[in-house]
Protein backbone atom coordinates (compact mmCIF):
# COMPACT_ATOMS: atom_id res chain seq x y z
CA MET A 1 109.52 111.18 97.45
CA SER A 2 106.04 110.97 95.22
CA GLN A 3 104.18 113.96 95.66
CA HIS A 4 99.98 113.92 95.70
CA HIS A 5 98.19 116.39 93.73
CA ASP A 6 94.05 117.02 93.88
CA VAL A 7 92.73 118.45 90.74
CA SER A 8 89.03 119.49 91.70
CA CYS A 9 86.34 119.19 88.34
CA THR A 10 86.05 123.41 88.73
CA PRO A 11 85.24 125.30 85.40
CA GLU A 12 88.40 126.17 84.91
CA HIS A 13 89.91 122.36 85.48
CA CYS A 14 87.41 121.07 82.63
CA HIS A 15 87.29 120.79 78.74
CA TRP A 16 84.50 119.83 76.85
CA GLY A 17 84.67 117.26 73.85
CA PHE A 18 87.92 117.62 73.11
CA PHE A 19 91.76 116.64 73.18
CA ASP A 20 94.35 119.24 72.05
CA SER A 21 98.06 119.93 72.27
CA GLY A 22 97.48 123.42 72.82
CA LEU A 23 95.49 123.13 76.17
CA LYS A 24 97.47 124.57 79.20
CA PRO A 25 97.74 121.91 81.78
CA VAL A 26 95.78 122.31 85.25
CA ALA A 27 98.58 120.52 87.11
CA THR A 28 102.02 119.35 86.69
CA LEU A 29 103.78 116.16 88.07
CA ALA A 30 106.31 114.22 88.21
CA SER A 31 106.86 110.65 87.48
CA GLY A 32 105.72 108.81 90.15
CA ASP A 33 103.25 111.23 91.89
CA THR A 34 99.91 110.14 92.41
CA VAL A 35 96.80 112.62 91.59
CA HIS A 36 93.15 112.65 92.77
CA ILE A 37 90.79 113.94 89.85
CA GLU A 38 87.48 114.86 89.86
CA CYS A 39 85.06 114.14 87.22
CA VAL A 40 81.63 115.64 86.23
CA SER A 41 78.76 114.37 83.58
CA GLY A 42 76.12 116.16 82.28
CA GLY A 43 74.91 118.06 79.13
CA PRO A 44 75.06 121.59 77.43
CA GLU A 45 73.58 123.46 80.52
CA VAL A 46 76.55 122.47 82.46
CA MET A 47 79.89 124.09 80.23
CA PRO A 48 79.77 125.51 76.39
CA PRO A 49 80.43 122.76 73.93
CA GLU A 50 83.92 122.12 71.92
CA LEU A 51 83.48 119.51 69.44
CA GLY A 52 82.54 116.44 71.16
CA ALA A 53 80.33 114.99 74.22
CA HIS A 54 82.48 114.57 76.95
CA ILE A 55 83.45 116.92 80.40
CA LEU A 56 86.98 116.13 80.79
CA THR A 57 88.78 116.87 84.03
CA GLY A 58 92.64 118.00 82.80
CA PRO A 59 94.72 118.37 81.62
CA VAL A 60 97.74 116.93 83.90
CA ALA A 61 101.03 117.25 82.25
CA VAL A 62 103.89 115.09 83.63
CA GLU A 63 107.70 116.32 83.57
CA GLY A 64 109.93 114.96 81.25
CA ALA A 65 107.59 113.34 78.65
CA GLU A 66 108.08 113.74 75.28
CA PRO A 67 106.81 112.12 72.03
CA GLY A 68 108.05 108.56 71.70
CA ASP A 69 107.36 107.70 74.82
CA VAL A 70 104.58 105.71 77.23
CA LEU A 71 102.34 107.23 80.29
CA GLU A 72 101.54 104.32 82.60
CA ILE A 73 98.59 105.40 84.17
CA GLN A 74 98.11 102.76 87.50
CA ILE A 75 93.91 103.42 88.28
CA LEU A 76 94.53 103.26 92.16
CA SER A 77 90.88 103.98 93.02
CA ILE A 78 87.57 104.77 91.44
CA ASP A 79 84.84 106.33 93.65
CA LEU A 80 80.97 107.08 92.70
CA ARG A 81 80.40 111.08 93.18
CA GLN A 82 76.39 111.10 93.31
CA ASN A 83 73.87 108.48 93.88
CA TRP A 84 72.09 108.34 90.45
CA GLY A 85 73.02 107.91 86.44
CA TYR A 86 71.17 107.89 83.53
CA THR A 87 71.15 105.94 79.96
CA ARG A 88 69.55 107.13 77.08
CA ILE A 89 69.08 106.20 73.42
CA ARG A 90 68.94 109.21 70.92
CA PRO A 91 68.49 109.44 67.21
CA LEU A 92 71.08 108.84 64.96
CA ALA A 93 73.35 107.37 67.42
CA GLY A 94 74.11 103.96 68.41
CA THR A 95 74.55 100.73 66.97
CA ILE A 96 71.05 99.93 65.44
CA PRO A 97 69.78 103.45 65.07
CA GLU A 98 67.78 102.33 62.32
CA ASP A 99 65.51 100.65 64.79
CA PHE A 100 65.46 103.83 67.46
CA PRO A 101 64.89 106.60 65.96
CA ILE A 102 63.44 108.26 69.66
CA ARG A 103 64.64 109.95 72.44
CA LYS A 104 64.51 108.16 75.68
CA THR A 105 66.15 108.31 78.99
CA TRP A 106 66.38 106.34 82.06
CA HIS A 107 67.57 107.49 85.40
CA SER A 108 68.72 104.49 87.70
CA GLY A 109 69.56 105.02 91.68
CA ILE A 110 73.24 104.20 92.94
CA ASP A 111 73.43 102.61 95.97
CA ARG A 112 76.84 103.58 96.91
CA GLN A 113 77.01 101.27 100.24
CA ARG A 114 76.16 98.26 98.49
CA GLY A 115 77.34 98.59 95.12
CA VAL A 116 74.65 97.99 92.85
CA MET A 117 72.36 100.32 90.81
CA THR A 118 68.72 99.99 90.41
CA THR A 119 67.05 100.21 86.70
CA PRO A 120 63.84 101.65 86.57
CA TRP A 121 61.70 99.07 86.80
CA GLY A 122 63.90 97.44 90.24
CA LEU A 123 66.20 95.40 88.94
CA GLU A 124 69.52 95.33 90.72
CA LEU A 125 72.87 95.36 88.69
CA GLU A 126 76.83 94.93 90.56
CA LEU A 127 77.93 98.13 89.47
CA ALA A 128 81.75 97.87 88.32
CA PRO A 129 83.02 101.77 87.63
CA PHE A 130 85.42 102.52 84.92
CA PHE A 131 86.22 106.04 83.39
CA GLY A 132 84.96 106.25 79.81
CA VAL A 133 87.21 109.01 78.51
CA MET A 134 90.90 108.41 79.39
CA GLY A 135 93.51 110.32 77.07
CA VAL A 136 96.54 112.44 76.26
CA ALA A 137 96.89 114.76 73.74
CA PRO A 138 97.22 114.10 70.44
CA PRO A 139 99.64 114.62 68.22
CA PRO A 140 99.85 118.32 67.64
CA VAL A 141 99.49 118.38 63.65
CA TYR A 142 96.10 116.88 64.41
CA GLY A 143 95.21 120.15 66.20
CA ALA A 144 91.72 119.53 68.13
CA CYS A 145 90.23 116.28 68.28
CA SER A 146 86.68 115.19 69.34
CA SER A 147 86.14 113.06 72.22
CA ILE A 148 84.16 111.12 70.71
CA GLN A 149 86.14 108.77 68.90
CA PRO A 150 89.23 107.12 70.01
CA ARG A 151 92.47 107.21 68.71
CA GLU A 152 96.02 106.45 69.45
CA PHE A 153 96.46 108.90 71.64
CA GLY A 154 93.31 107.18 73.86
CA GLY A 155 90.27 109.09 74.51
CA ASN A 156 86.80 107.86 74.68
CA MET A 157 87.59 104.23 74.54
CA ASP A 158 84.73 102.68 76.51
CA LEU A 159 87.12 99.96 77.73
CA LYS A 160 85.11 98.41 81.10
CA GLU A 161 88.36 95.93 82.12
CA LEU A 162 89.94 99.60 83.38
CA VAL A 163 88.63 99.51 86.85
CA ALA A 164 90.55 100.29 90.34
CA GLY A 165 93.40 97.82 90.47
CA THR A 166 94.07 97.80 87.02
CA THR A 167 96.68 100.19 84.33
CA LEU A 168 96.41 102.08 81.46
CA TYR A 169 98.99 102.37 78.99
CA LEU A 170 99.01 105.62 76.86
CA PRO A 171 101.69 106.48 73.88
CA VAL A 172 102.41 109.89 74.14
CA TRP A 173 102.56 112.44 71.09
CA ALA A 174 102.89 115.85 73.03
CA PRO A 175 105.57 117.29 75.54
CA GLY A 176 104.03 116.94 78.88
CA ALA A 177 102.00 113.89 77.70
CA LEU A 178 98.66 116.01 78.86
CA PHE A 179 96.47 113.42 80.52
CA SER A 180 92.65 113.89 80.73
CA VAL A 181 89.60 112.04 82.36
CA GLY A 182 85.96 111.75 82.38
CA ASP A 183 82.36 110.18 80.96
CA GLY A 184 82.12 108.27 84.60
CA HIS A 185 80.04 104.83 83.98
CA GLY A 186 79.00 103.22 86.90
CA VAL A 187 78.67 99.66 84.56
CA GLN A 188 78.31 99.03 81.13
CA GLY A 189 78.16 96.07 78.80
CA ASP A 190 80.76 94.91 75.91
CA GLY A 191 79.72 97.15 72.75
CA GLU A 192 77.96 99.67 75.05
CA VAL A 193 75.12 99.12 72.18
CA CYS A 194 73.03 102.07 73.08
CA VAL A 195 75.43 104.73 72.84
CA THR A 196 75.82 105.13 76.42
CA ALA A 197 76.33 103.51 79.96
CA LEU A 198 75.15 104.10 83.07
CA GLU A 199 76.38 107.54 83.00
CA THR A 200 77.44 108.98 86.33
CA ALA A 201 79.85 111.05 88.00
CA LEU A 202 83.17 109.38 89.34
CA ALA A 203 86.45 110.75 90.82
CA GLY A 204 89.73 108.57 90.52
CA THR A 205 93.02 108.57 91.96
CA PHE A 206 95.77 107.72 89.46
CA ARG A 207 99.71 107.17 89.39
CA LEU A 208 101.21 108.56 86.22
CA ILE A 209 104.65 106.86 85.82
CA LEU A 210 107.06 107.80 82.53
CA ARG A 211 107.80 105.03 81.11
CA LYS A 212 110.95 105.79 78.58
CA ASP A 213 111.84 102.27 77.90
CA LEU A 214 108.55 101.55 76.34
CA LYS A 215 107.53 101.74 72.53
CA PHE A 216 104.48 101.16 71.16
CA GLY A 217 101.97 103.16 68.52
CA LEU A 218 98.38 102.10 70.40
CA PRO A 219 97.10 101.96 73.79
CA ARG A 220 97.27 99.14 76.19
CA ALA A 221 96.29 97.90 79.53
CA GLU A 222 96.79 95.50 81.83
CA THR A 223 94.69 93.80 84.52
CA PRO A 224 95.90 91.40 87.39
CA THR A 225 94.85 88.54 85.13
CA HIS A 226 95.44 89.62 81.62
CA HIS A 227 97.67 91.81 79.45
CA ILE A 228 95.20 93.72 76.82
CA THR A 229 96.12 95.56 73.40
CA MET A 230 93.81 97.61 71.49
CA ALA A 231 92.56 99.68 68.14
CA PHE A 232 90.48 101.45 66.74
CA ASN A 233 88.64 102.37 63.42
CA GLU A 234 85.53 103.03 61.70
CA ASP A 235 85.47 99.22 60.40
CA LEU A 236 85.44 96.75 62.90
CA ASP A 237 87.55 93.89 61.18
CA ASP A 238 90.57 96.15 60.90
CA ALA A 239 90.12 97.23 64.42
CA ALA A 240 90.03 93.73 64.89
CA LYS A 241 93.22 93.23 62.89
CA ASP A 242 95.16 95.99 64.36
CA ALA A 243 94.45 94.51 67.73
CA LEU A 244 95.66 91.15 66.65
CA ARG A 245 98.67 92.72 65.50
CA GLU A 246 99.60 94.85 68.46
CA MET A 247 98.77 91.22 70.16
CA ILE A 248 101.59 89.62 68.09
CA LYS A 249 104.37 91.75 69.18
CA LEU A 250 102.97 92.29 72.96
CA ILE A 251 103.23 88.24 72.88
CA GLY A 252 106.69 88.78 71.06
CA GLU A 253 108.06 91.08 73.74
CA LYS A 254 106.38 88.89 76.78
CA MET A 255 107.36 85.23 75.11
CA LYS A 256 110.04 86.05 72.61
CA LEU A 257 107.83 84.01 70.33
CA PRO A 258 108.68 84.64 66.82
CA PRO A 259 105.40 86.68 65.00
CA ASP A 260 104.05 83.18 63.07
CA ASP A 261 104.39 81.19 66.42
CA ALA A 262 102.90 84.21 68.27
CA TYR A 263 99.92 84.44 65.45
CA MET A 264 99.30 80.55 65.98
CA PHE A 265 99.37 81.09 69.65
CA ALA A 266 96.95 83.96 70.25
CA SER A 267 94.46 81.34 68.15
CA LEU A 268 94.61 79.13 71.40
CA ALA A 269 94.42 81.88 74.30
CA VAL A 270 93.73 85.41 73.48
CA ASP A 271 90.27 86.01 73.09
CA MET A 272 89.20 89.02 70.97
CA ARG A 273 86.22 91.30 71.67
CA VAL A 274 84.66 94.34 71.00
CA THR A 275 85.49 97.01 73.08
CA GLN A 276 82.23 99.40 71.79
CA LEU A 277 80.24 99.96 68.93
CA VAL A 278 79.18 103.70 69.11
CA ASP A 279 82.27 106.11 68.89
CA GLY A 280 82.67 106.48 65.08
CA ASN A 281 86.03 104.52 65.93
CA LYS A 282 84.58 101.02 66.78
CA GLY A 283 87.09 99.21 69.11
CA ILE A 284 88.43 95.52 69.67
CA HIS A 285 90.49 94.54 72.90
CA ALA A 286 92.71 91.28 72.54
CA MET A 287 93.35 89.41 75.48
CA LEU A 288 95.90 87.62 76.88
CA PRO A 289 96.03 85.69 80.33
CA LYS A 290 98.80 86.46 82.23
CA ARG A 291 99.43 83.06 83.56
CA TYR A 292 101.32 81.87 79.57
CA ALA A 293 102.89 85.45 79.54
CA ASP A 294 104.18 85.84 83.09
CA ALA A 295 105.35 82.43 83.58
């Protein structure tokens, strides 16, 4: 029988700005267990920084996970932990930093009961909370990796599709998988163009399942309506190519089409979208409607 675990966002359960296979797990789960993880969002006054910008809770180990496996992360719920969030511009960051060499911060109200945020000038936007950072430990040979650049182990993917009720699949690179999460977003547009979304504190409940029957080298995801492949590269064109290559593989797996037919089918049915433009390694995700693949 599966068990439930709770991981609070106390300092001893958090690490700021990096992923590292050498981190000691703050909890160890059996495959199929659920875990409720609290996260925070903030700046240097919260915790001494290491490499990157994100305060992460974890890592959580999964018994029996080994390199070459895949960790299935079912996102069961996401809850807002506060009634405000912030969005900011800072020099030398964002999609067009040459146009905005300034520092500016919005503070926006969050109505958790109504599920909306209010901009400083009074416009309401519907909330769609998700975690911008979800990742496992990198390959041990990498050492500590900044939380800013998303890579094959996940991390700062900023994929707004990963709301409650969706599933993320991460290839495992280190024993135990070592899952960490943070960077709560209340709402975000594809691209996250100014470098921040509505940054806020979230808590999530996840079911972690070890998948030894799956083999792939980049993150994938699944929503109630779509299969998603994704890729990251400093060059957006190269990220698009890699996300498409992964989608061609997925179509082959799901629909039993050879690569040339999968390539042509993708041109008819797959949407290529910009995940984010601002994290060093830019992101592209490819979306395949399930009505074709799971028929």
